[in-house]
Protein backbone atom coordinates (compact mmCIF):
# COMPACT_ATOMS: atom_id res chain seq x y z
CA MET A 1 0.17 -0.11 0.05
CA LYS A 2 1.17 3.32 -0.84
CA VAL A 3 0.20 6.36 0.78
CA ILE A 4 0.05 9.89 -0.77
CA PRO A 5 -0.27 13.08 1.10
CA THR A 6 -2.05 15.86 -0.12
CA SER A 7 -2.41 19.48 0.10
CA ILE A 8 -4.44 18.93 3.10
CA PRO A 9 -2.24 17.02 5.47
CA GLU A 10 -5.05 14.76 6.99
CA VAL A 11 -6.38 13.96 4.18
CA LEU A 12 -4.67 10.81 2.22
CA VAL A 13 -4.91 9.08 -0.92
CA ILE A 14 -4.19 5.18 -0.96
CA GLU A 15 -2.76 3.07 -3.71
CA PRO A 16 -3.07 -0.63 -3.01
CA LYS A 17 -0.21 -2.87 -4.03
CA ILE A 18 -2.23 -4.54 -7.15
CA ILE A 19 -0.77 -8.01 -8.28
CA SER A 20 -1.42 -8.69 -11.93
CA ASP A 21 -0.74 -11.14 -14.78
CA ASN A 22 -2.87 -12.57 -17.82
CA ARG A 23 -5.70 -14.02 -15.47
CA GLY A 24 -6.30 -10.90 -13.61
CA LEU A 25 -5.53 -9.23 -10.60
CA PHE A 26 -5.67 -9.30 -6.72
CA PHE A 27 -5.17 -6.58 -4.42
CA GLU A 28 -6.26 -6.26 -0.84
CA SER A 29 -8.93 -3.37 -0.79
CA PHE A 30 -8.34 -2.93 3.14
CA ASN A 31 -6.08 -4.25 5.82
CA GLU A 32 -6.49 -2.58 9.24
CA LYS A 33 -2.70 -3.58 10.06
CA THR A 34 -1.21 -1.89 6.67
CA PHE A 35 -3.74 0.79 6.75
CA SER A 36 -2.49 1.62 10.22
CA GLN A 37 1.00 1.45 9.57
CA GLY A 38 1.03 3.28 6.21
CA THR A 39 -1.31 6.34 7.89
CA GLY A 40 -0.26 6.42 11.28
CA LEU A 41 -3.84 6.36 12.20
CA ASN A 42 -5.46 3.93 14.13
CA VAL A 43 -9.14 3.92 13.09
CA SER A 44 -11.96 1.82 13.73
CA PHE A 45 -14.69 1.20 10.94
CA VAL A 46 -18.07 0.20 11.81
CA GLN A 47 -20.13 0.26 8.76
CA ASP A 48 -19.62 -0.21 4.84
CA ASN A 49 -22.08 1.69 2.66
CA HIS A 50 -22.32 1.14 -1.48
CA SER A 51 -23.82 3.70 -3.58
CA HIS A 52 -24.68 3.41 -7.04
CA SER A 53 -25.41 6.94 -9.18
CA VAL A 54 -25.27 7.42 -12.85
CA ARG A 55 -23.40 10.17 -14.71
CA GLY A 56 -23.84 14.23 -13.59
CA VAL A 57 -25.06 12.82 -10.23
CA LEU A 58 -23.48 15.22 -7.27
CA ARG A 59 -23.96 13.96 -3.90
CA GLY A 60 -22.53 16.04 -1.07
CA LEU A 61 -21.26 17.92 0.64
CA HIS A 62 -22.18 15.79 3.49
CA TYR A 63 -20.99 15.29 7.18
CA GLN A 64 -22.27 14.56 10.42
CA ILE A 65 -22.03 16.97 13.37
CA GLN A 66 -22.44 14.31 15.89
CA GLN A 67 -21.39 10.68 15.39
CA PRO A 68 -18.95 12.45 12.92
CA GLN A 69 -17.48 10.16 10.51
CA GLY A 70 -14.10 9.43 8.68
CA LYS A 71 -14.56 7.90 5.63
CA LEU A 72 -12.12 5.43 3.47
CA VAL A 73 -13.94 5.78 -0.24
CA ARG A 74 -13.32 4.09 -3.19
CA VAL A 75 -14.72 3.36 -6.60
CA VAL A 76 -15.27 -0.33 -7.91
CA ARG A 77 -16.97 0.56 -11.15
CA GLY A 78 -16.94 3.56 -13.12
CA ALA A 79 -15.30 7.14 -11.96
CA VAL A 80 -16.05 10.11 -9.79
CA PHE A 81 -14.22 13.32 -8.74
CA ASP A 82 -14.08 12.81 -4.78
CA VAL A 83 -13.53 15.90 -2.60
CA ALA A 84 -12.86 16.71 0.87
CA VAL A 85 -13.92 19.94 2.43
CA ASP A 86 -12.09 20.93 5.87
CA ILE A 87 -14.85 22.19 8.11
CA ARG A 88 -12.53 22.72 11.59
CA LYS A 89 -12.65 26.23 12.25
CA SER A 90 -9.50 26.01 14.21
CA SER A 91 -7.70 24.34 11.22
CA PRO A 92 -5.05 26.49 9.44
CA THR A 93 -6.97 24.73 6.33
CA PHE A 94 -10.47 25.21 7.33
CA GLY A 95 -12.71 26.07 4.27
CA ARG A 96 -10.08 24.30 2.08
CA TRP A 97 -10.63 21.16 -0.86
CA VAL A 98 -9.10 18.13 -1.79
CA GLY A 99 -10.39 16.65 -5.12
CA ILE A 100 -9.07 13.64 -6.64
CA GLU A 101 -10.56 10.89 -9.58
CA LEU A 102 -11.16 7.83 -8.10
CA THR A 103 -11.71 5.04 -10.88
CA GLU A 104 -12.36 1.51 -11.25
CA ASP A 105 -8.96 1.20 -13.40
CA ASN A 106 -6.85 3.42 -10.73
CA ARG A 107 -7.89 1.59 -7.81
CA ARG A 108 -7.27 4.31 -5.79
CA GLN A 109 -8.90 5.54 -2.27
CA LEU A 110 -9.35 8.71 -0.17
CA TRP A 111 -9.35 8.95 3.35
CA ALA A 112 -11.56 11.58 4.55
CA PRO A 113 -11.36 12.24 8.26
CA ILE A 114 -13.67 12.94 10.85
CA GLY A 115 -14.21 17.39 10.68
CA PHE A 116 -14.22 17.02 6.68
CA ALA A 117 -17.46 17.43 4.59
CA HIS A 118 -17.29 14.55 1.59
CA GLY A 119 -19.16 14.78 -1.66
CA PHE A 120 -18.44 13.10 -5.21
CA LEU A 121 -19.47 13.56 -8.92
CA VAL A 122 -20.33 10.94 -11.22
CA LEU A 123 -18.09 11.03 -13.97
CA SER A 124 -19.15 7.90 -15.89
CA ASP A 125 -21.99 6.85 -17.36
CA GLY A 126 -22.64 4.74 -13.93
CA ALA A 127 -20.55 4.55 -10.64
CA ASP A 128 -20.44 1.75 -7.80
CA PHE A 129 -18.84 3.81 -4.76
CA LEU A 130 -18.13 1.84 -1.92
CA TYR A 131 -16.95 3.94 1.49
CA LYS A 132 -16.21 2.29 5.28
CA THR A 133 -17.38 4.85 8.10
CA THR A 134 -15.67 5.09 11.60
CA ASP A 135 -19.57 5.73 13.27
CA TYR A 136 -22.65 4.94 12.10
CA TYR A 137 -25.15 6.58 10.01
CA ALA A 138 -27.21 8.99 12.35
CA PRO A 139 -29.52 11.13 9.82
CA GLU A 140 -30.68 13.46 12.52
CA PHE A 141 -26.93 14.75 12.89
CA GLU A 142 -26.34 15.04 9.16
CA ARG A 143 -25.89 18.16 7.33
CA SER A 144 -25.07 19.51 3.88
CA ILE A 145 -22.85 22.32 2.81
CA LEU A 146 -23.68 23.95 -0.55
CA TRP A 147 -21.81 21.85 -3.34
CA ASN A 148 -20.90 25.20 -5.15
CA ASP A 149 -20.40 27.62 -2.49
CA PRO A 150 -18.18 30.40 -4.14
CA THR A 151 -15.93 30.82 -0.60
CA ILE A 152 -14.73 26.97 -1.07
CA GLY A 153 -14.66 27.36 -4.95
CA ILE A 154 -14.40 23.83 -5.61
CA GLN A 155 -13.41 22.77 -9.22
CA TRP A 156 -16.03 20.46 -10.28
CA PRO A 157 -15.39 19.07 -13.52
CA LEU A 158 -18.87 19.46 -14.96
CA ASP A 159 -19.80 18.16 -18.11
CA GLY A 160 -23.75 18.05 -19.22
CA GLU A 161 -26.82 18.60 -16.72
CA LEU A 162 -25.92 17.68 -12.94
CA GLN A 163 -28.04 15.96 -10.76
CA LEU A 164 -28.57 16.76 -7.14
CA SER A 165 -31.10 15.64 -4.34
CA THR A 166 -33.68 17.74 -2.86
CA LYS A 167 -31.20 18.17 0.34
CA ASP A 168 -28.27 19.08 -1.63
CA LYS A 169 -30.39 21.64 -3.21
CA ALA A 170 -31.25 22.86 0.15
CA ALA A 171 -27.49 22.75 1.42
CA LEU A 172 -26.00 25.56 3.40
CA PRO A 173 -23.01 27.86 2.42
CA LEU A 174 -20.27 26.79 4.66
CA ALA A 175 -20.50 30.67 6.57
CA GLN A 176 -23.98 29.30 7.55
CA ALA A 177 -23.33 25.95 8.20
CA GLU A 178 -22.61 24.04 11.70
CA THR A 179 -18.99 23.23 11.60
CA PHE A 180 -16.61 21.40 13.86
CA PRO A 181 -14.44 23.57 16.57
């Protein structure tokens, strides 16, 4: 496993070691010991989620204000542009974002720690997106930040019609959102 730092030190890109030959390939998508040694993090995952979305779907920017979740995310089919936004007011990188393309071919993963809002845009005809979380989903604590908040300035690779949920259309700009200390 290779750990690649990003412009925000707590957000990490994980590249698995892939073993391949003419028959196909194999890789460990997660190994607690290897993850801990490679990242220096000691996290426990309690829930795995799978979402399927079509081209142009943008999900996010989501987080839970209580029962916050760290997320280890990856794509098993298709391609997405994945984003983590620092929403920790005491952080020197508050309001900054990291974005990376996750695809079935590059097999990269993104670690979005607690204190970050997360979202993704589907770039392919469809995408199957998997994520491990460090706490359970609690809808009463879920919040959304506006995907196109100009103060954050995410450079989404938009191409065609965008599809948003009702919840994401009603999301708040960062200046009005509940954030972490």
